[in-house]
Amino acid sequence: MKWKIACIQMDIAFGQPDINFQVAEQWLEKATRSEPDIVILPELWTTGYDLTRLNEIADQEAEKTIEFLKTQAQKHQIHIIGGSIAKKTSKGIYNTMIIIDKHGNLIKEYDKLHLFQLMDEHHFLQPGEKDGLFTLDEKICAGFICYDIRFPEWQRAHTAQGAEVLFVTAEWPKPRLDHWRALLISRAIENQAYVVAVNRSGSDVNNTFAGHSLIIDPWGNLISEAGEGNELLTGTLDFNKVTEARNKIPVFEDRRPDFY
C-alpha cells in the first residue's frame, strides 16, 4: 500500500480564527490538485499562540472545526489530519488534534499530552490523558503535537502497538530548528516508522517559526523537506519499507521492556 501525502505549511493569523479558516480552505483546495490521500495542517492553525485570549477565541467542543474538516474531507475525498486547535470544554481548554476520514467521519481527537512551559502552555491549557492511536485505511497511525517529540517513550508506546506512521503537527520556533530535524529523524529510525511532520511558517508577536516540514522514511531518509515560507510539501509513503526495516533489524522483537 502507498499513500500520497500533502503537508500544508502555512502562516497563521494571530488570534483571528475567521481569517485562518479562510486561508486553510484555500490551502486545502490547492493541496487536492496533487490528488493526495491525506492532507495535514499545522498546530493551533485556527488561533496561533494567542493563549491569553483563548477563552474568547477557542472553538467550543471543536464543533466549528470538526464541521469544517468534515465538509472539506467529503468535498475532496481526502483524509485530513486537522493539525490541532484550541478546544474549549467544561474542564478547560485543550490543544487538540482532529482526524477526519475521507467519508467525513470523525476518527480521533488527541489532546496534547506534554505541555510546553517555555511558551506558557501550562498556564492556559489542560494536558491530555489519552493516546494518539488511530486507524486509516486499515493502517495503524499515531498523532503527536510539537513538544511531544522530545519524549521518545511516548512515540514508542504507540509503535509498540503497531503504528507505522507518526503524524506530528507543530509550531516549532526557528532557534531550535536543528533540534526539530534531529529529533524527528531519530523518531523515524528508532521506531522504524514513517514520520510526517508539519510545522507552521511565519511569526507572531513572540516567535519566529522554523517551517521545514518533513517527510521521513523508516530508515531515517528524508523523502521531502520544506523551506521556511508558506509551502505545500508532498511525498509518498510505501508501507513495504516499514516491513523491510522491521524485518531487517528486529528492534521490536529484541526489546526487553521488563527492564525499562
Protein backbone atom coordinates (compact mmCIF):
# COMPACT_ATOMS: atom_id res chain seq x y z
CA MET A 1 0.00 0.00 0.00
CA LYS A 2 1.11 3.55 -0.74
CA TRP A 3 -0.17 6.91 0.49
CA LYS A 4 0.38 10.25 -1.15
CA ILE A 5 0.78 12.95 1.49
CA ALA A 6 0.30 16.73 1.29
CA CYS A 7 1.54 18.91 4.18
CA ILE A 8 0.20 22.46 4.48
CA GLN A 9 2.96 24.68 5.87
CA MET A 10 1.07 27.95 6.33
CA ASP A 11 1.39 31.21 8.22
CA ILE A 12 -1.28 31.73 10.90
CA ALA A 13 -3.08 34.99 11.65
CA PHE A 14 -2.54 35.62 15.37
CA GLY A 15 -5.82 35.23 17.25
CA GLN A 16 -8.03 35.50 14.15
CA PRO A 17 -9.89 32.21 13.58
CA ASP A 18 -12.16 33.56 10.81
CA ILE A 19 -9.17 34.52 8.67
CA ASN A 20 -7.41 31.23 9.37
CA PHE A 21 -10.42 29.15 8.33
CA GLN A 22 -10.50 31.03 5.02
CA VAL A 23 -6.77 30.55 4.45
CA ALA A 24 -6.95 26.86 5.37
CA GLU A 25 -9.79 26.34 2.92
CA GLN A 26 -7.69 27.89 0.15
CA TRP A 27 -4.74 25.68 1.03
CA LEU A 28 -6.89 22.55 1.09
CA GLU A 29 -8.23 23.43 -2.34
CA LYS A 30 -4.67 23.82 -3.61
CA ALA A 31 -3.47 20.65 -1.91
CA THR A 32 -6.11 18.46 -3.53
CA ARG A 33 -4.84 19.32 -7.01
CA SER A 34 -1.97 16.89 -6.39
CA GLU A 35 -4.56 14.19 -5.57
CA PRO A 36 -3.25 13.21 -2.13
CA ASP A 37 -4.70 10.53 0.08
CA ILE A 38 -4.01 12.55 3.25
CA VAL A 39 -3.60 16.28 3.97
CA ILE A 40 -2.10 17.62 7.21
CA LEU A 41 -2.43 21.05 8.85
CA PRO A 42 -0.13 22.66 11.47
CA GLU A 43 -0.59 23.09 15.22
CA LEU A 44 -3.11 25.64 16.55
CA TRP A 45 -3.87 26.70 12.99
CA THR A 46 -7.13 28.46 13.93
CA THR A 47 -5.69 30.79 16.59
CA GLY A 48 -1.92 30.59 16.73
CA TYR A 49 -0.36 31.06 20.17
CA ASP A 50 -2.74 33.81 21.27
CA LEU A 51 -3.03 31.98 24.59
CA THR A 52 -4.24 34.90 26.72
CA ARG A 53 -7.40 35.21 24.58
CA LEU A 54 -8.26 31.54 24.25
CA ASN A 55 -11.34 31.88 26.45
CA GLU A 56 -12.72 34.22 23.78
CA ILE A 57 -11.48 32.55 20.59
CA ALA A 58 -11.16 28.80 21.33
CA ASP A 59 -13.63 26.56 19.50
CA GLN A 60 -16.37 25.30 21.86
CA GLU A 61 -16.07 21.48 21.83
CA ALA A 62 -14.26 21.92 18.47
CA GLU A 63 -17.68 21.99 16.82
CA LYS A 64 -16.88 24.57 14.12
CA THR A 65 -13.55 22.93 13.26
CA ILE A 66 -14.98 19.42 13.08
CA GLU A 67 -17.81 20.57 10.81
CA PHE A 68 -15.36 22.45 8.58
CA LEU A 69 -12.99 19.49 8.28
CA LYS A 70 -15.82 17.04 7.64
CA THR A 71 -17.09 19.23 4.80
CA GLN A 72 -13.62 19.53 3.28
CA ALA A 73 -12.88 15.82 3.58
CA GLN A 74 -16.13 14.84 1.86
CA LYS A 75 -15.78 17.52 -0.79
CA HIS A 76 -12.26 16.48 -1.78
CA GLN A 77 -12.44 12.79 -0.80
CA ILE A 78 -9.33 13.03 1.35
CA HIS A 79 -8.35 12.03 4.86
CA ILE A 80 -7.46 15.10 6.92
CA ILE A 81 -5.10 15.23 9.89
CA GLY A 82 -6.57 18.50 11.12
CA GLY A 83 -3.42 19.80 12.76
CA SER A 84 -4.52 20.93 16.19
CA ILE A 85 -6.82 23.61 17.53
CA ALA A 86 -7.70 25.20 20.85
CA LYS A 87 -10.74 23.22 22.02
CA LYS A 88 -12.84 24.76 24.79
CA THR A 89 -14.57 22.33 27.15
CA SER A 90 -16.19 22.37 30.57
CA LYS A 91 -12.86 21.12 32.01
CA GLY A 92 -10.76 23.81 30.35
CA ILE A 93 -9.04 24.36 27.00
CA TYR A 94 -7.08 21.62 25.25
CA ASN A 95 -4.65 21.63 22.34
CA THR A 96 -6.47 19.02 20.25
CA MET A 97 -5.58 17.17 17.05
CA ILE A 98 -8.62 16.18 14.96
CA ILE A 99 -8.60 13.37 12.40
CA ILE A 100 -11.37 13.08 9.80
CA ASP A 101 -11.54 10.33 7.18
CA LYS A 102 -12.42 10.87 3.52
CA HIS A 103 -16.05 9.99 4.18
CA GLY A 104 -16.37 12.81 6.70
CA ASN A 105 -16.23 10.61 9.81
CA LEU A 106 -14.54 11.85 12.98
CA ILE A 107 -11.88 9.20 13.62
CA LYS A 108 -9.91 10.60 16.55
CA GLU A 109 -9.36 13.55 18.85
CA TYR A 110 -5.95 13.64 20.55
CA ASP A 111 -5.17 16.18 23.27
CA LYS A 112 -1.52 17.24 23.54
CA LEU A 113 -0.04 15.21 26.37
CA HIS A 114 3.08 17.27 27.12
CA LEU A 115 2.57 20.99 27.67
CA PHE A 116 5.48 23.31 26.82
CA GLN A 117 6.29 25.57 29.76
CA LEU A 118 8.63 27.82 27.75
CA MET A 119 5.60 29.08 25.80
CA ASP A 120 3.33 29.17 28.90
CA GLU A 121 1.05 26.38 27.70
CA HIS A 122 0.69 25.04 31.23
CA HIS A 123 -0.93 28.31 32.33
CA PHE A 124 -3.66 28.24 29.68
CA LEU A 125 -4.12 24.64 28.52
CA GLN A 126 -5.06 21.32 30.07
CA PRO A 127 -2.80 18.28 29.45
CA GLY A 128 -4.21 15.33 27.55
CA GLU A 129 -4.88 11.96 29.15
CA LYS A 130 -5.31 9.59 26.18
CA ASP A 131 -3.16 8.09 23.45
CA GLY A 132 -2.87 9.26 19.86
CA LEU A 133 -3.57 5.96 18.11
CA PHE A 134 -5.98 5.78 15.18
CA THR A 135 -6.54 3.73 12.02
CA LEU A 136 -6.93 4.92 8.42
CA ASP A 137 -7.36 2.50 5.51
CA GLU A 138 -6.55 -0.36 7.90
CA LYS A 139 -3.16 1.16 8.75
CA ILE A 140 -2.37 1.97 12.37
CA CYS A 141 -1.14 5.54 12.83
CA ALA A 142 -0.38 7.86 15.71
CA GLY A 143 -0.67 11.59 16.19
CA PHE A 144 1.59 13.87 18.25
CA ILE A 145 1.78 17.60 18.85
CA CYS A 146 5.06 19.56 18.82
CA TYR A 147 6.75 19.16 22.25
CA ASP A 148 5.59 15.52 22.34
CA ILE A 149 8.51 14.56 20.09
CA ARG A 150 11.00 15.26 22.90
CA PHE A 151 9.57 12.23 24.73
CA PRO A 152 10.68 9.16 22.74
CA GLU A 153 8.93 6.81 25.14
CA TRP A 154 5.61 8.35 24.06
CA GLN A 155 6.22 7.52 20.40
CA ARG A 156 7.45 4.03 21.30
CA ALA A 157 4.29 3.38 23.30
CA HIS A 158 2.40 3.80 20.01
CA THR A 159 4.72 1.93 17.63
CA ALA A 160 4.83 -0.96 20.11
CA GLN A 161 1.10 -1.22 19.42
CA GLY A 162 1.63 -1.34 15.67
CA ALA A 163 1.73 2.28 14.49
CA GLU A 164 3.55 2.60 11.16
CA VAL A 165 3.14 6.35 10.61
CA LEU A 166 3.79 9.09 13.16
CA PHE A 167 1.98 12.31 12.28
CA VAL A 168 3.39 15.39 14.01
CA THR A 169 1.85 18.85 13.94
CA ALA A 170 3.79 21.79 15.33
CA GLU A 171 4.56 25.46 15.84
CA TRP A 172 8.30 24.91 16.29
CA PRO A 173 10.43 28.07 16.75
CA LYS A 174 13.28 28.83 14.37
CA PRO A 175 16.07 28.97 17.00
CA ARG A 176 15.63 25.25 17.63
CA LEU A 177 15.38 24.11 14.00
CA ASP A 178 18.36 21.76 14.44
CA HIS A 179 16.54 20.01 17.27
CA TRP A 180 13.39 19.67 15.16
CA ARG A 181 15.24 17.88 12.38
CA ALA A 182 17.39 15.71 14.65
CA LEU A 183 14.51 14.62 16.88
CA LEU A 184 12.21 13.73 14.00
CA ILE A 185 14.85 11.75 12.13
CA SER A 186 15.66 9.90 15.37
CA ARG A 187 11.99 9.10 15.97
CA ALA A 188 11.77 7.60 12.47
CA ILE A 189 14.92 5.48 12.84
CA GLU A 190 14.28 4.15 16.33
CA ASN A 191 10.62 3.35 15.61
CA GLN A 192 11.18 2.09 12.05
CA ALA A 193 8.18 4.17 11.04
CA TYR A 194 7.33 6.99 8.68
CA VAL A 195 7.33 10.44 10.26
CA VAL A 196 5.17 13.13 8.66
CA ALA A 197 5.81 16.40 10.49
CA VAL A 198 4.08 19.68 9.63
CA ASN A 199 5.36 22.93 11.09
CA ARG A 200 3.93 26.42 10.57
CA SER A 201 5.66 29.26 8.75
CA GLY A 202 5.82 32.95 9.62
CA SER A 203 5.92 34.63 13.02
CA ASP A 204 3.76 36.02 15.80
CA VAL A 205 4.32 38.71 18.43
CA ASN A 206 6.71 36.48 20.38
CA ASN A 207 8.25 33.95 18.00
CA THR A 208 9.56 33.28 14.52
CA PHE A 209 8.79 29.76 13.37
CA ALA A 210 11.09 27.34 11.58
CA GLY A 211 8.96 25.88 8.81
CA HIS A 212 10.93 22.93 7.43
CA SER A 213 8.08 20.43 7.47
CA LEU A 214 9.48 16.95 6.88
CA ILE A 215 8.50 13.57 5.50
CA ILE A 216 10.95 10.88 6.66
CA ASP A 217 11.09 7.17 5.81
CA PRO A 218 11.58 4.29 8.32
CA TRP A 219 15.35 4.31 7.68
CA GLY A 220 15.64 7.99 8.58
CA ASN A 221 16.00 9.15 4.98
CA LEU A 222 14.36 12.45 4.00
CA ILE A 223 11.65 11.99 1.39
CA SER A 224 10.95 15.71 1.24
CA GLU A 225 11.60 18.86 3.25
CA ALA A 226 10.06 22.33 3.02
CA GLY A 227 11.85 25.66 3.36
CA GLU A 228 10.89 28.40 5.83
CA GLY A 229 7.98 30.02 3.96
CA ASN A 230 4.45 29.08 3.00
CA GLU A 231 4.65 25.81 1.12
CA LEU A 232 2.77 22.69 0.12
CA LEU A 233 5.05 19.71 0.78
CA THR A 234 4.25 16.37 -0.81
CA GLY A 235 5.65 12.87 -0.62
CA THR A 236 4.70 9.20 -0.94
CA LEU A 237 4.71 6.59 1.81
CA ASP A 238 5.33 2.99 0.72
CA PHE A 239 4.40 0.67 3.58
CA ASN A 240 6.64 -2.07 2.21
CA LYS A 241 9.54 0.00 3.58
CA VAL A 242 8.18 -0.32 7.12
CA THR A 243 8.05 -4.10 6.78
CA GLU A 244 11.54 -4.13 5.25
CA ALA A 245 13.08 -2.08 8.07
CA ARG A 246 11.39 -4.05 10.84
CA ASN A 247 12.37 -7.39 9.31
CA LYS A 248 15.99 -6.41 8.67
CA ILE A 249 16.64 -5.02 12.15
CA PRO A 250 14.12 -6.70 14.51
CA VAL A 251 14.04 -3.94 17.13
CA PHE A 252 10.56 -4.78 18.34
CA GLU A 253 11.37 -8.47 18.77
CA ASP A 254 14.56 -7.64 20.67
CA ARG A 255 13.01 -5.18 23.13
CA ARG A 256 13.21 -6.07 26.83
CA PRO A 257 10.52 -3.85 28.34
CA ASP A 258 10.63 -5.78 31.62
CA PHE A 259 13.87 -3.86 32.29
CA TYR A 260 12.56 -0.43 31.34
